[in-house]
All heavy atoms as atom14 arrays in JSON, in Angstrom:
{
  "sequence": "ALRAPIFEWLMGEFRTYVLVVDVLQCIGLSLILI",
  "atom14_mask": [
    [1, 1, 1, 1, 1, 0, 0, 0, 0, 0, 0, 0, 0, 0],
    [1, 1, 1, 1, 1, 1, 1, 1, 0, 0, 0, 0, 0, 0],
    [1, 1, 1, 1, 1, 1, 1, 1, 1, 1, 1, 0, 0, 0],
    [1, 1, 1, 1, 1, 0, 0, 0, 0, 0, 0, 0, 0, 0],
    [1, 1, 1, 1, 1, 1, 1, 0, 0, 0, 0, 0, 0, 0],
    [1, 1, 1, 1, 1, 1, 1, 1, 0, 0, 0, 0, 0, 0],
    [1, 1, 1, 1, 1, 1, 1, 1, 1, 1, 1, 0, 0, 0],
    [1, 1, 1, 1, 1, 1, 1, 1, 1, 0, 0, 0, 0, 0],
    [1, 1, 1, 1, 1, 1, 1, 1, 1, 1, 1, 1, 1, 1],
    [1, 1, 1, 1, 1, 1, 1, 1, 0, 0, 0, 0, 0, 0],
    [1, 1, 1, 1, 1, 1, 1, 1, 0, 0, 0, 0, 0, 0],
    [1, 1, 1, 1, 0, 0, 0, 0, 0, 0, 0, 0, 0, 0],
    [1, 1, 1, 1, 1, 1, 1, 1, 1, 0, 0, 0, 0, 0],
    [1, 1, 1, 1, 1, 1, 1, 1, 1, 1, 1, 0, 0, 0],
    [1, 1, 1, 1, 1, 1, 1, 1, 1, 1, 1, 0, 0, 0],
    [1, 1, 1, 1, 1, 1, 1, 0, 0, 0, 0, 0, 0, 0],
    [1, 1, 1, 1, 1, 1, 1, 1, 1, 1, 1, 1, 0, 0],
    [1, 1, 1, 1, 1, 1, 1, 0, 0, 0, 0, 0, 0, 0],
    [1, 1, 1, 1, 1, 1, 1, 1, 0, 0, 0, 0, 0, 0],
    [1, 1, 1, 1, 1, 1, 1, 0, 0, 0, 0, 0, 0, 0],
    [1, 1, 1, 1, 1, 1, 1, 0, 0, 0, 0, 0, 0, 0],
    [1, 1, 1, 1, 1, 1, 1, 1, 0, 0, 0, 0, 0, 0],
    [1, 1, 1, 1, 1, 1, 1, 0, 0, 0, 0, 0, 0, 0],
    [1, 1, 1, 1, 1, 1, 1, 1, 0, 0, 0, 0, 0, 0],
    [1, 1, 1, 1, 1, 1, 1, 1, 1, 0, 0, 0, 0, 0],
    [1, 1, 1, 1, 1, 1, 0, 0, 0, 0, 0, 0, 0, 0],
    [1, 1, 1, 1, 1, 1, 1, 1, 0, 0, 0, 0, 0, 0],
    [1, 1, 1, 1, 0, 0, 0, 0, 0, 0, 0, 0, 0, 0],
    [1, 1, 1, 1, 1, 1, 1, 1, 0, 0, 0, 0, 0, 0],
    [1, 1, 1, 1, 1, 1, 0, 0, 0, 0, 0, 0, 0, 0],
    [1, 1, 1, 1, 1, 1, 1, 1, 0, 0, 0, 0, 0, 0],
    [1, 1, 1, 1, 1, 1, 1, 1, 0, 0, 0, 0, 0, 0],
    [1, 1, 1, 1, 1, 1, 1, 1, 0, 0, 0, 0, 0, 0],
    [1, 1, 1, 1, 1, 1, 1, 1, 0, 0, 0, 0, 0, 0]
  ],
  "atom14_positions": [
    [[126.01, 83.79, 116.54], [126.33, 85.12, 116.0], [125.79, 85.28, 114.59], [125.32, 86.38, 114.22], [127.86, 85.31, 115.99], [0.0, 0.0, 0.0], [0.0, 0.0, 0.0], [0.0, 0.0, 0.0], [0.0, 0.0, 0.0], [0.0, 0.0, 0.0], [0.0, 0.0, 0.0], [0.0, 0.0, 0.0], [0.0, 0.0, 0.0], [0.0, 0.0, 0.0]],
    [[125.8, 84.2, 113.79], [125.32, 84.3, 112.41], [123.82, 84.57, 112.33], [123.33, 85.02, 111.29], [125.64, 83.0, 111.64], [127.13, 82.8, 111.31], [127.33, 81.43, 110.66], [127.64, 83.89, 110.4], [0.0, 0.0, 0.0], [0.0, 0.0, 0.0], [0.0, 0.0, 0.0], [0.0, 0.0, 0.0], [0.0, 0.0, 0.0], [0.0, 0.0, 0.0]],
    [[123.12, 84.31, 113.41], [121.67, 84.56, 113.42], [121.3, 85.78, 114.27], [120.14, 86.03, 114.53], [120.93, 83.33, 113.95], [120.95, 82.16, 112.99], [120.11, 81.0, 113.49], [120.09, 79.92, 112.51], [119.23, 79.82, 111.5], [118.3, 80.74, 111.35], [119.27, 78.8, 110.66], [0.0, 0.0, 0.0], [0.0, 0.0, 0.0], [0.0, 0.0, 0.0]],
    [[122.31, 86.53, 114.68], [122.05, 87.7, 115.51], [121.54, 88.87, 114.65], [122.29, 89.4, 113.83], [123.32, 88.12, 116.24], [0.0, 0.0, 0.0], [0.0, 0.0, 0.0], [0.0, 0.0, 0.0], [0.0, 0.0, 0.0], [0.0, 0.0, 0.0], [0.0, 0.0, 0.0], [0.0, 0.0, 0.0], [0.0, 0.0, 0.0], [0.0, 0.0, 0.0]],
    [[120.28, 89.29, 114.81], [119.73, 90.4, 114.02], [120.1, 91.75, 114.64], [119.28, 92.39, 115.31], [118.21, 90.14, 114.09], [118.02, 89.5, 115.42], [119.27, 88.68, 115.68], [0.0, 0.0, 0.0], [0.0, 0.0, 0.0], [0.0, 0.0, 0.0], [0.0, 0.0, 0.0], [0.0, 0.0, 0.0], [0.0, 0.0, 0.0], [0.0, 0.0, 0.0]],
    [[121.32, 92.17, 114.41], [121.84, 93.37, 115.07], [121.0, 94.59, 114.77], [120.71, 95.4, 115.68], [123.3, 93.6, 114.65], [124.18, 92.44, 115.14], [123.82, 94.93, 115.2], [125.62, 92.54, 114.74], [0.0, 0.0, 0.0], [0.0, 0.0, 0.0], [0.0, 0.0, 0.0], [0.0, 0.0, 0.0], [0.0, 0.0, 0.0], [0.0, 0.0, 0.0]],
    [[120.59, 94.79, 113.54], [119.78, 95.95, 113.19], [118.45, 95.96, 113.95], [117.98, 97.01, 114.38], [119.52, 96.0, 111.67], [120.71, 96.49, 110.88], [121.93, 96.74, 111.5], [120.61, 96.7, 109.52], [123.03, 97.19, 110.79], [121.7, 97.16, 108.78], [122.92, 97.4, 109.42], [0.0, 0.0, 0.0], [0.0, 0.0, 0.0], [0.0, 0.0, 0.0]],
    [[117.86, 94.79, 114.1], [116.6, 94.7, 114.86], [116.85, 95.07, 116.32], [116.02, 95.76, 116.93], [116.02, 93.3, 114.77], [115.45, 92.95, 113.4], [114.76, 91.61, 113.4], [114.57, 91.04, 114.49], [114.39, 91.13, 112.32], [0.0, 0.0, 0.0], [0.0, 0.0, 0.0], [0.0, 0.0, 0.0], [0.0, 0.0, 0.0], [0.0, 0.0, 0.0]],
    [[117.94, 94.63, 116.85], [118.25, 94.96, 118.24], [118.44, 96.45, 118.42], [117.98, 97.04, 119.41], [119.52, 94.22, 118.68], [119.34, 92.74, 118.81], [118.17, 92.04, 118.75], [120.36, 91.76, 119.02], [118.38, 90.69, 118.88], [119.72, 90.49, 119.07], [121.73, 91.82, 119.17], [120.43, 89.32, 119.28], [122.45, 90.65, 119.36], [121.8, 89.41, 119.42]],
    [[119.11, 97.08, 117.45], [119.3, 98.53, 117.54], [117.98, 99.29, 117.48], [117.86, 100.4, 118.01], [120.22, 99.0, 116.4], [121.67, 98.5, 116.46], [122.45, 98.92, 115.22], [122.37, 99.0, 117.73], [0.0, 0.0, 0.0], [0.0, 0.0, 0.0], [0.0, 0.0, 0.0], [0.0, 0.0, 0.0], [0.0, 0.0, 0.0], [0.0, 0.0, 0.0]],
    [[116.97, 98.67, 116.85], [115.64, 99.28, 116.77], [114.75, 98.87, 117.91], [113.58, 99.23, 117.96], [115.0, 98.9, 115.44], [115.74, 99.4, 114.21], [115.07, 98.76, 112.66], [113.43, 99.48, 112.69], [0.0, 0.0, 0.0], [0.0, 0.0, 0.0], [0.0, 0.0, 0.0], [0.0, 0.0, 0.0], [0.0, 0.0, 0.0], [0.0, 0.0, 0.0]],
    [[115.33, 98.12, 118.85], [114.57, 97.71, 120.02], [113.69, 96.51, 119.82], [112.8, 96.24, 120.63], [0.0, 0.0, 0.0], [0.0, 0.0, 0.0], [0.0, 0.0, 0.0], [0.0, 0.0, 0.0], [0.0, 0.0, 0.0], [0.0, 0.0, 0.0], [0.0, 0.0, 0.0], [0.0, 0.0, 0.0], [0.0, 0.0, 0.0], [0.0, 0.0, 0.0]],
    [[113.91, 95.74, 118.74], [113.13, 94.55, 118.48], [113.92, 93.31, 118.87], [115.06, 93.14, 118.41], [112.75, 94.47, 116.99], [111.87, 95.63, 116.51], [111.55, 95.5, 115.03], [111.75, 94.39, 114.48], [111.11, 96.49, 114.43], [0.0, 0.0, 0.0], [0.0, 0.0, 0.0], [0.0, 0.0, 0.0], [0.0, 0.0, 0.0], [0.0, 0.0, 0.0]],
    [[113.33, 92.49, 119.7], [114.04, 91.3, 120.18], [113.15, 90.07, 119.97], [112.02, 90.02, 120.46], [114.39, 91.44, 121.66], [115.31, 92.61, 121.94], [114.8, 93.84, 122.31], [116.69, 92.48, 121.82], [115.63, 94.92, 122.55], [117.52, 93.55, 122.06], [116.99, 94.77, 122.42], [0.0, 0.0, 0.0], [0.0, 0.0, 0.0], [0.0, 0.0, 0.0]],
    [[113.69, 89.1, 119.21], [112.96, 87.85, 118.97], [113.8, 86.67, 119.43], [115.01, 86.79, 119.65], [112.64, 87.7, 117.47], [111.73, 88.79, 116.9], [111.47, 88.51, 115.43], [112.69, 88.58, 114.64], [112.92, 87.85, 113.53], [112.02, 86.99, 113.13], [114.06, 87.98, 112.86], [0.0, 0.0, 0.0], [0.0, 0.0, 0.0], [0.0, 0.0, 0.0]],
    [[113.15, 85.52, 119.56], [113.86, 84.31, 119.97], [114.57, 83.64, 118.8], [115.18, 82.58, 118.98], [112.89, 83.31, 120.63], [111.85, 82.98, 119.67], [112.25, 83.91, 121.86], [0.0, 0.0, 0.0], [0.0, 0.0, 0.0], [0.0, 0.0, 0.0], [0.0, 0.0, 0.0], [0.0, 0.0, 0.0], [0.0, 0.0, 0.0], [0.0, 0.0, 0.0]],
    [[114.49, 84.25, 117.63], [115.13, 83.69, 116.43], [116.63, 83.43, 116.66], [117.17, 82.45, 116.15], [114.93, 84.66, 115.27], [115.71, 84.3, 114.01], [115.24, 83.3, 113.14], [116.88, 84.96, 113.67], [115.95, 82.98, 111.97], [117.6, 84.64, 112.52], [117.12, 83.65, 111.69], [117.83, 83.34, 110.57], [0.0, 0.0, 0.0], [0.0, 0.0, 0.0]],
    [[117.26, 84.28, 117.43], [118.69, 84.15, 117.64], [119.04, 82.85, 118.39], [120.18, 82.39, 118.34], [119.24, 85.37, 118.4], [118.74, 85.36, 119.85], [120.76, 85.43, 118.35], [0.0, 0.0, 0.0], [0.0, 0.0, 0.0], [0.0, 0.0, 0.0], [0.0, 0.0, 0.0], [0.0, 0.0, 0.0], [0.0, 0.0, 0.0], [0.0, 0.0, 0.0]],
    [[118.06, 82.28, 119.08], [118.3, 81.08, 119.86], [118.09, 79.78, 119.06], [118.28, 78.69, 119.57], [117.39, 81.05, 121.1], [117.6, 82.19, 122.08], [116.61, 82.07, 123.25], [119.03, 82.21, 122.61], [0.0, 0.0, 0.0], [0.0, 0.0, 0.0], [0.0, 0.0, 0.0], [0.0, 0.0, 0.0], [0.0, 0.0, 0.0], [0.0, 0.0, 0.0]],
    [[117.69, 79.94, 117.78], [117.51, 78.76, 116.93], [118.85, 78.05, 116.76], [119.9, 78.67, 116.57], [116.95, 79.2, 115.55], [117.09, 78.08, 114.54], [115.49, 79.59, 115.69], [0.0, 0.0, 0.0], [0.0, 0.0, 0.0], [0.0, 0.0, 0.0], [0.0, 0.0, 0.0], [0.0, 0.0, 0.0], [0.0, 0.0, 0.0], [0.0, 0.0, 0.0]],
    [[118.82, 76.73, 116.83], [120.04, 75.92, 116.73], [120.22, 75.42, 115.3], [119.29, 74.9, 114.67], [119.97, 74.73, 117.7], [121.13, 73.76, 117.46], [119.98, 75.23, 119.14], [0.0, 0.0, 0.0], [0.0, 0.0, 0.0], [0.0, 0.0, 0.0], [0.0, 0.0, 0.0], [0.0, 0.0, 0.0], [0.0, 0.0, 0.0], [0.0, 0.0, 0.0]],
    [[121.43, 75.59, 114.78], [121.75, 75.17, 113.42], [122.96, 74.24, 113.48], [123.39, 73.83, 114.54], [122.03, 76.4, 112.54], [121.65, 76.16, 111.08], [121.78, 75.02, 110.63], [121.24, 77.11, 110.42], [0.0, 0.0, 0.0], [0.0, 0.0, 0.0], [0.0, 0.0, 0.0], [0.0, 0.0, 0.0], [0.0, 0.0, 0.0], [0.0, 0.0, 0.0]],
    [[123.55, 73.98, 112.31], [124.58, 72.96, 112.21], [125.8, 73.27, 113.07], [126.36, 72.37, 113.7], [125.01, 72.78, 110.73], [125.58, 74.04, 110.15], [125.98, 71.63, 110.59], [0.0, 0.0, 0.0], [0.0, 0.0, 0.0], [0.0, 0.0, 0.0], [0.0, 0.0, 0.0], [0.0, 0.0, 0.0], [0.0, 0.0, 0.0], [0.0, 0.0, 0.0]],
    [[126.23, 74.54, 113.15], [127.43, 74.84, 113.91], [127.26, 74.57, 115.4], [128.16, 74.03, 116.06], [127.84, 76.3, 113.7], [128.34, 76.68, 112.32], [128.92, 78.09, 112.32], [129.4, 75.7, 111.82], [0.0, 0.0, 0.0], [0.0, 0.0, 0.0], [0.0, 0.0, 0.0], [0.0, 0.0, 0.0], [0.0, 0.0, 0.0], [0.0, 0.0, 0.0]],
    [[126.09, 74.93, 115.95], [125.88, 74.66, 117.37], [125.87, 73.17, 117.64], [126.43, 72.71, 118.64], [124.55, 75.27, 117.84], [124.54, 76.79, 117.89], [123.89, 77.39, 116.67], [124.16, 76.94, 115.56], [123.07, 78.41, 116.86], [0.0, 0.0, 0.0], [0.0, 0.0, 0.0], [0.0, 0.0, 0.0], [0.0, 0.0, 0.0], [0.0, 0.0, 0.0]],
    [[125.25, 72.39, 116.74], [125.19, 70.95, 116.96], [126.56, 70.32, 116.84], [126.9, 69.42, 117.63], [124.23, 70.31, 115.94], [122.54, 70.25, 116.51], [0.0, 0.0, 0.0], [0.0, 0.0, 0.0], [0.0, 0.0, 0.0], [0.0, 0.0, 0.0], [0.0, 0.0, 0.0], [0.0, 0.0, 0.0], [0.0, 0.0, 0.0], [0.0, 0.0, 0.0]],
    [[127.36, 70.76, 115.9], [128.7, 70.21, 115.76], [129.55, 70.62, 116.96], [130.32, 69.82, 117.51], [129.36, 70.65, 114.44], [128.63, 69.99, 113.28], [130.84, 70.29, 114.41], [129.17, 70.38, 111.92], [0.0, 0.0, 0.0], [0.0, 0.0, 0.0], [0.0, 0.0, 0.0], [0.0, 0.0, 0.0], [0.0, 0.0, 0.0], [0.0, 0.0, 0.0]],
    [[129.41, 71.87, 117.38], [130.16, 72.34, 118.54], [129.84, 71.54, 119.79], [130.74, 71.1, 120.51], [0.0, 0.0, 0.0], [0.0, 0.0, 0.0], [0.0, 0.0, 0.0], [0.0, 0.0, 0.0], [0.0, 0.0, 0.0], [0.0, 0.0, 0.0], [0.0, 0.0, 0.0], [0.0, 0.0, 0.0], [0.0, 0.0, 0.0], [0.0, 0.0, 0.0]],
    [[128.55, 71.35, 120.06], [128.16, 70.56, 121.23], [128.6, 69.1, 121.08], [129.02, 68.48, 122.05], [126.64, 70.63, 121.41], [126.06, 69.86, 122.59], [126.7, 70.31, 123.9], [124.54, 70.02, 122.66], [0.0, 0.0, 0.0], [0.0, 0.0, 0.0], [0.0, 0.0, 0.0], [0.0, 0.0, 0.0], [0.0, 0.0, 0.0], [0.0, 0.0, 0.0]],
    [[128.54, 68.59, 119.86], [128.96, 67.21, 119.62], [130.46, 67.03, 119.91], [130.87, 66.0, 120.48], [128.66, 66.79, 118.18], [127.28, 66.77, 117.94], [0.0, 0.0, 0.0], [0.0, 0.0, 0.0], [0.0, 0.0, 0.0], [0.0, 0.0, 0.0], [0.0, 0.0, 0.0], [0.0, 0.0, 0.0], [0.0, 0.0, 0.0], [0.0, 0.0, 0.0]],
    [[131.25, 68.02, 119.56], [132.68, 67.95, 119.88], [132.89, 67.86, 121.38], [133.72, 67.09, 121.87], [133.4, 69.21, 119.35], [133.59, 69.35, 117.85], [134.4, 70.59, 117.55], [134.26, 68.12, 117.28], [0.0, 0.0, 0.0], [0.0, 0.0, 0.0], [0.0, 0.0, 0.0], [0.0, 0.0, 0.0], [0.0, 0.0, 0.0], [0.0, 0.0, 0.0]],
    [[132.16, 68.68, 122.11], [132.28, 68.67, 123.57], [131.88, 67.32, 124.13], [132.54, 66.78, 125.03], [131.42, 69.8, 124.16], [131.95, 71.16, 123.71], [131.37, 69.71, 125.68], [131.07, 72.34, 124.09], [0.0, 0.0, 0.0], [0.0, 0.0, 0.0], [0.0, 0.0, 0.0], [0.0, 0.0, 0.0], [0.0, 0.0, 0.0], [0.0, 0.0, 0.0]],
    [[130.82, 66.73, 123.58], [130.36, 65.42, 124.05], [131.38, 64.33, 123.71], [131.59, 63.4, 124.52], [129.0, 65.1, 123.44], [127.83, 65.98, 123.89], [126.55, 65.62, 123.14], [127.6, 65.84, 125.4], [0.0, 0.0, 0.0], [0.0, 0.0, 0.0], [0.0, 0.0, 0.0], [0.0, 0.0, 0.0], [0.0, 0.0, 0.0], [0.0, 0.0, 0.0]],
    [[131.99, 64.41, 122.55], [133.02, 63.42, 122.17], [134.17, 63.48, 123.16], [134.7, 62.45, 123.61], [133.51, 63.66, 120.73], [132.43, 63.3, 119.71], [134.79, 62.88, 120.46], [132.13, 61.82, 119.62], [0.0, 0.0, 0.0], [0.0, 0.0, 0.0], [0.0, 0.0, 0.0], [0.0, 0.0, 0.0], [0.0, 0.0, 0.0], [0.0, 0.0, 0.0]]
  ]
}
């Protein structure tokens, strides 16, 4: 959500930037693995 470019989406622009993985996703997945 923190990387979701809402304004770009409203203008019809869609990039794969939102799928970039950062610290929260890695910690979240690590919790699940633990």
